[in-house]
Protein backbone atom coordinates (compact mmCIF):
# COMPACT_ATOMS: atom_id res chain seq x y z
CA MET A 1 64.09 170.36 60.32
CA ALA A 2 62.81 166.84 59.83
CA ASP A 3 60.73 166.19 56.74
CA SER A 4 57.15 167.35 57.35
CA GLY A 5 55.85 166.54 53.87
CA PRO A 6 55.55 167.81 50.29
CA ALA A 7 53.99 171.15 51.27
CA HIS A 8 57.03 172.17 53.29
CA ARG A 9 59.38 170.85 50.61
CA LYS A 10 57.61 173.08 48.05
CA ASP A 11 58.04 176.11 50.28
CA ILE A 12 61.72 175.33 50.79
CA ASP A 13 62.21 174.90 47.05
CA SER A 14 60.88 178.41 46.44
CA LEU A 15 64.10 179.74 47.94
CA GLU A 16 65.94 178.42 44.90
CA PHE A 17 64.42 181.19 42.77
CA LEU A 18 65.98 184.06 44.69
CA PHE A 19 68.60 185.66 42.44
CA TYR A 20 70.79 188.60 43.39
CA ASN A 21 71.76 190.83 40.44
CA LYS A 22 75.51 191.32 40.58
CA ASN A 23 75.34 194.71 38.88
CA ASN A 24 72.80 196.18 41.28
CA LEU A 25 73.47 194.54 44.66
CA SER A 26 74.87 196.85 47.32
CA TRP A 27 74.89 197.28 51.07
CA GLY A 28 75.36 200.70 52.63
CA GLY A 29 76.53 202.05 49.29
CA ASN A 30 79.23 199.40 48.86
CA ARG A 31 79.10 196.79 46.14
CA ILE A 32 79.10 193.29 47.60
CA ALA A 33 79.36 189.74 46.29
CA ALA A 34 76.45 188.21 44.41
CA TYR A 35 75.05 184.83 45.36
CA GLU A 36 72.75 183.02 42.96
CA TYR A 37 71.64 180.36 45.43
CA GLY A 38 68.94 181.85 47.66
CA ARG A 39 69.95 180.34 50.98
CA ILE A 40 73.50 181.60 50.58
CA ALA A 41 72.27 185.07 49.64
CA LYS A 42 69.98 185.11 52.68
CA LEU A 43 72.83 184.14 54.98
CA ASP A 44 75.01 186.93 53.60
CA GLU A 45 72.16 189.41 54.06
CA ASN A 46 71.72 188.48 57.71
CA LEU A 47 75.43 188.49 58.49
CA ARG A 48 75.45 192.08 57.24
CA ALA A 49 72.31 192.95 59.17
CA ALA A 50 74.14 191.77 62.32
CA GLY A 51 76.72 194.50 61.72
CA LEU A 52 79.70 192.19 61.34
CA PRO A 53 82.92 193.52 59.77
CA GLU A 54 83.24 193.10 56.02
CA GLU A 55 86.44 191.07 56.37
CA LEU A 56 84.78 188.63 58.74
CA ILE A 57 81.77 188.20 56.46
CA ALA A 58 84.10 187.52 53.54
CA GLU A 59 85.84 184.78 55.54
CA ILE A 60 82.56 183.13 56.47
CA MET A 61 81.10 183.37 52.96
CA GLU A 62 84.24 182.12 51.19
CA GLY A 63 83.36 180.23 48.01
CA GLY A 64 79.66 181.07 48.13
CA GLU A 65 79.64 182.83 44.77
CA GLY A 66 80.65 179.59 43.09
CA VAL A 67 77.61 177.66 44.32
CA ARG A 68 75.03 178.06 41.56
CA LYS A 69 71.30 177.77 41.88
CA THR A 70 71.47 174.66 39.68
CA ALA A 71 74.33 173.04 41.62
CA ASP A 72 74.06 169.48 42.85
CA PRO A 73 72.27 169.45 46.25
CA ARG A 74 75.31 167.71 47.73
CA VAL A 75 77.52 170.61 46.67
CA LYS A 76 75.13 173.06 48.33
CA ALA A 77 75.03 170.98 51.51
CA ASP A 78 78.83 170.66 51.62
CA TRP A 79 79.30 174.42 51.32
CA LEU A 80 76.67 175.18 53.96
CA GLY A 81 78.20 172.59 56.30
CA ALA A 82 81.68 174.10 55.97
CA THR A 83 80.22 177.59 56.42
CA MET A 84 78.48 176.62 59.66
CA LEU A 85 81.86 175.45 60.98
CA ARG A 86 83.38 178.82 60.07
CA MET A 87 80.55 180.56 61.90
CA ASP A 88 81.08 178.31 64.93
CA GLU A 89 84.78 179.20 64.96
CA ARG A 90 84.41 182.95 64.45
CA LEU A 91 81.12 184.00 66.05
CA GLU A 92 79.77 183.83 69.59
CA PRO A 93 76.78 181.49 69.98
CA GLU A 94 74.23 184.25 70.50
CA VAL A 95 75.42 186.00 67.32
CA ARG A 96 75.49 182.98 65.02
CA HIS A 97 72.19 181.68 66.37
CA ALA A 98 70.50 185.04 65.80
CA VAL A 99 71.87 185.20 62.26
CA ARG A 100 70.53 181.75 61.48
CA GLU A 101 67.16 182.46 63.11
CA ALA A 102 66.83 185.45 60.78
CA CYS A 103 67.26 183.07 57.82
CA ALA A 104 63.94 181.38 58.63
CA CYS A 105 61.49 180.74 55.80
CA CYS A 106 57.79 179.79 55.55
CA LEU A 107 56.72 182.61 57.86
CA GLY A 108 53.47 183.56 56.14
CA GLY A 109 50.67 181.91 54.19
CA LYS A 110 48.61 179.07 55.65
CA ARG A 111 50.97 178.60 58.59
CA GLN A 112 50.52 182.19 59.69
CA GLU A 113 46.75 181.91 59.32
CA LEU A 114 46.73 178.89 61.60
CA VAL A 115 48.77 180.45 64.40
CA LYS A 116 46.84 183.71 64.19
CA ALA A 117 43.68 181.67 64.73
CA ILE A 118 45.21 180.25 67.92
CA ALA A 119 46.11 183.75 69.08
CA LYS A 120 42.62 185.02 68.30
CA ARG A 121 41.01 182.29 70.40
CA GLY A 122 43.27 183.26 73.28
CA GLY A 123 43.36 181.32 76.54
CA THR A 124 46.06 180.26 78.93
CA ILE A 125 49.54 179.17 77.89
CA GLU A 126 48.45 175.58 78.47
CA GLU A 127 45.42 176.01 76.20
CA ARG A 128 47.47 177.68 73.47
CA VAL A 129 50.14 174.98 73.62
CA HIS A 130 47.39 172.36 73.31
CA ALA A 131 46.05 174.14 70.21
CA ALA A 132 49.57 174.37 68.74
CA ASN A 133 49.97 170.63 69.32
CA GLN A 134 47.03 170.06 66.97
CA THR A 135 48.56 172.27 64.26
CA ARG A 136 50.88 169.77 62.60
CA LEU A 137 51.52 171.77 59.43
CA VAL A 138 53.34 174.37 61.52
CA PHE A 139 54.78 172.45 64.47
CA GLY A 140 55.25 168.89 63.28
CA HIS A 141 54.75 165.91 65.59
CA SER A 142 54.15 167.52 68.97
CA VAL A 143 54.17 170.65 71.12
CA THR A 144 54.31 170.08 74.88
CA LEU A 145 54.61 172.23 77.98
CA GLU A 146 57.35 170.74 80.16
CA GLU A 147 57.42 170.69 83.97
CA ASP A 148 60.06 173.43 84.04
CA GLY A 149 57.83 175.74 81.98
CA CYS A 150 59.75 175.29 78.73
CA ILE A 151 57.93 174.32 75.54
CA LEU A 152 59.25 171.35 73.60
CA VAL A 153 58.52 171.13 69.87
CA CYS A 154 59.34 167.81 68.17
CA PHE A 155 59.07 167.01 64.48
CA ALA A 156 59.10 163.26 65.08
CA PRO A 157 59.00 160.91 68.10
CA ASP A 158 62.30 160.52 69.95
CA ASP A 159 62.43 156.80 69.13
CA THR A 160 62.29 157.36 65.36
CA LEU A 161 65.23 155.36 64.00
CA GLU A 162 65.70 157.10 60.66
CA ASN A 163 65.26 160.86 60.32
CA ARG A 164 65.74 163.11 57.32
CA CYS A 165 66.36 166.84 57.17
CA VAL A 166 63.95 168.36 54.65
CA CYS A 167 66.20 171.39 54.20
CA LEU A 168 69.38 169.51 53.27
CA PRO A 169 68.29 165.93 52.45
CA LYS A 170 71.43 165.26 50.41
CA ALA A 171 73.93 166.18 53.14
CA SER A 172 76.69 163.56 53.02
CA GLN A 173 77.78 164.03 56.63
CA PRO A 174 76.50 165.62 59.86
CA ILE A 175 76.35 169.41 59.90
CA SER A 176 76.63 171.71 62.91
CA PRO A 177 73.32 172.38 64.71
CA THR A 178 74.03 176.04 64.04
CA TYR A 179 72.36 175.45 60.67
CA CYS A 180 69.20 174.29 62.44
CA TYR A 181 68.58 177.64 64.13
CA CYS A 182 67.01 178.63 60.81
CA CYS A 183 64.24 176.11 61.48
CA GLY A 184 64.26 177.18 65.10
CA GLY A 185 63.56 180.71 63.91
CA HIS A 186 60.67 179.41 61.79
CA ILE A 187 59.03 177.74 64.80
CA LYS A 188 59.84 180.69 67.07
CA HIS A 189 58.09 183.11 64.72
CA HIS A 190 54.88 181.10 64.68
CA LEU A 191 54.98 180.11 68.34
CA GLN A 192 55.31 183.73 69.44
CA ILE A 193 52.20 184.62 67.45
CA ALA A 194 50.23 181.69 68.87
CA LEU A 195 51.25 182.36 72.46
CA ASP A 196 51.34 186.16 72.25
CA ARG A 197 54.64 185.90 74.13
CA GLN A 198 58.28 186.30 73.26
CA VAL A 199 60.39 183.14 73.45
CA SER A 200 64.01 182.10 73.03
CA VAL A 201 64.99 178.93 71.19
CA GLU A 202 67.56 176.18 71.73
CA VAL A 203 68.17 173.25 69.40
CA ARG A 204 67.62 170.07 71.45
CA SER A 205 68.36 167.52 68.70
CA SER A 206 68.65 167.51 64.95
CA ALA A 207 68.38 165.03 62.11
CA LEU A 208 71.04 167.01 60.26
CA SER A 209 73.61 167.18 63.05
CA SER A 210 73.11 163.56 64.13
CA GLY A 211 73.34 162.04 60.66
CA GLY A 212 69.68 161.04 60.81
CA LYS A 213 69.94 159.24 64.17
CA GLN A 214 67.85 161.81 66.06
CA PRO A 215 64.72 163.76 65.13
CA CYS A 216 64.54 167.55 65.05
CA SER A 217 63.41 169.02 68.35
CA PHE A 218 63.62 172.44 69.96
CA TYR A 219 63.26 173.94 73.42
CA PHE A 220 61.53 177.30 73.78
CA THR A 221 61.75 179.42 76.91
CA LEU A 222 59.07 181.98 77.71
CA LEU A 223 60.61 185.41 78.21
CA ASP A 224 59.40 188.00 80.66
CA ASP A 225 56.81 190.42 79.29
């Protein structure tokens, strides 16, 4: 997700405080690896929630235990980048995207209050999209209803020359857009509340995967009730 300001950065930073106790962590009665860095722990949790085989999870999460909470941000970004490639190689798109969507953060608090207010006011899809477009804290630069009925959410104008991912600002090289489905899950959560409709998400462009050459943008498709 492109940088939307200090408030979002503070929320992202709160993930750093998640610590899994190695002596107490288990899944289905089996002791599993401990991950000090919150984003890695969350990824492991959601891979398990997807019902993937233990051996496959171990392959994907290789080296994660060694990435400490206090590690250099570039080390964290490098591990996450390599892990996204392993997910791309081993998991079908719908599986890896769902896993990453489940890693979404910033789902409550002020953002949730704002989208619930949109839902409470009600109205047509067009009216709700217009209201979402005014809610920059949640949806960034713009929310538009396209001619084909899809909803486009952009965190910066398309002609922005330099873009920065707020989640992994120290990434030294482009990272698979698979990572960005976490931010897609964040927007999806709030958009579904605002619209009172279920949607699917597709990454359209990404600051992270383009090396800063493109802004973060997402397509959302309204699903049948």
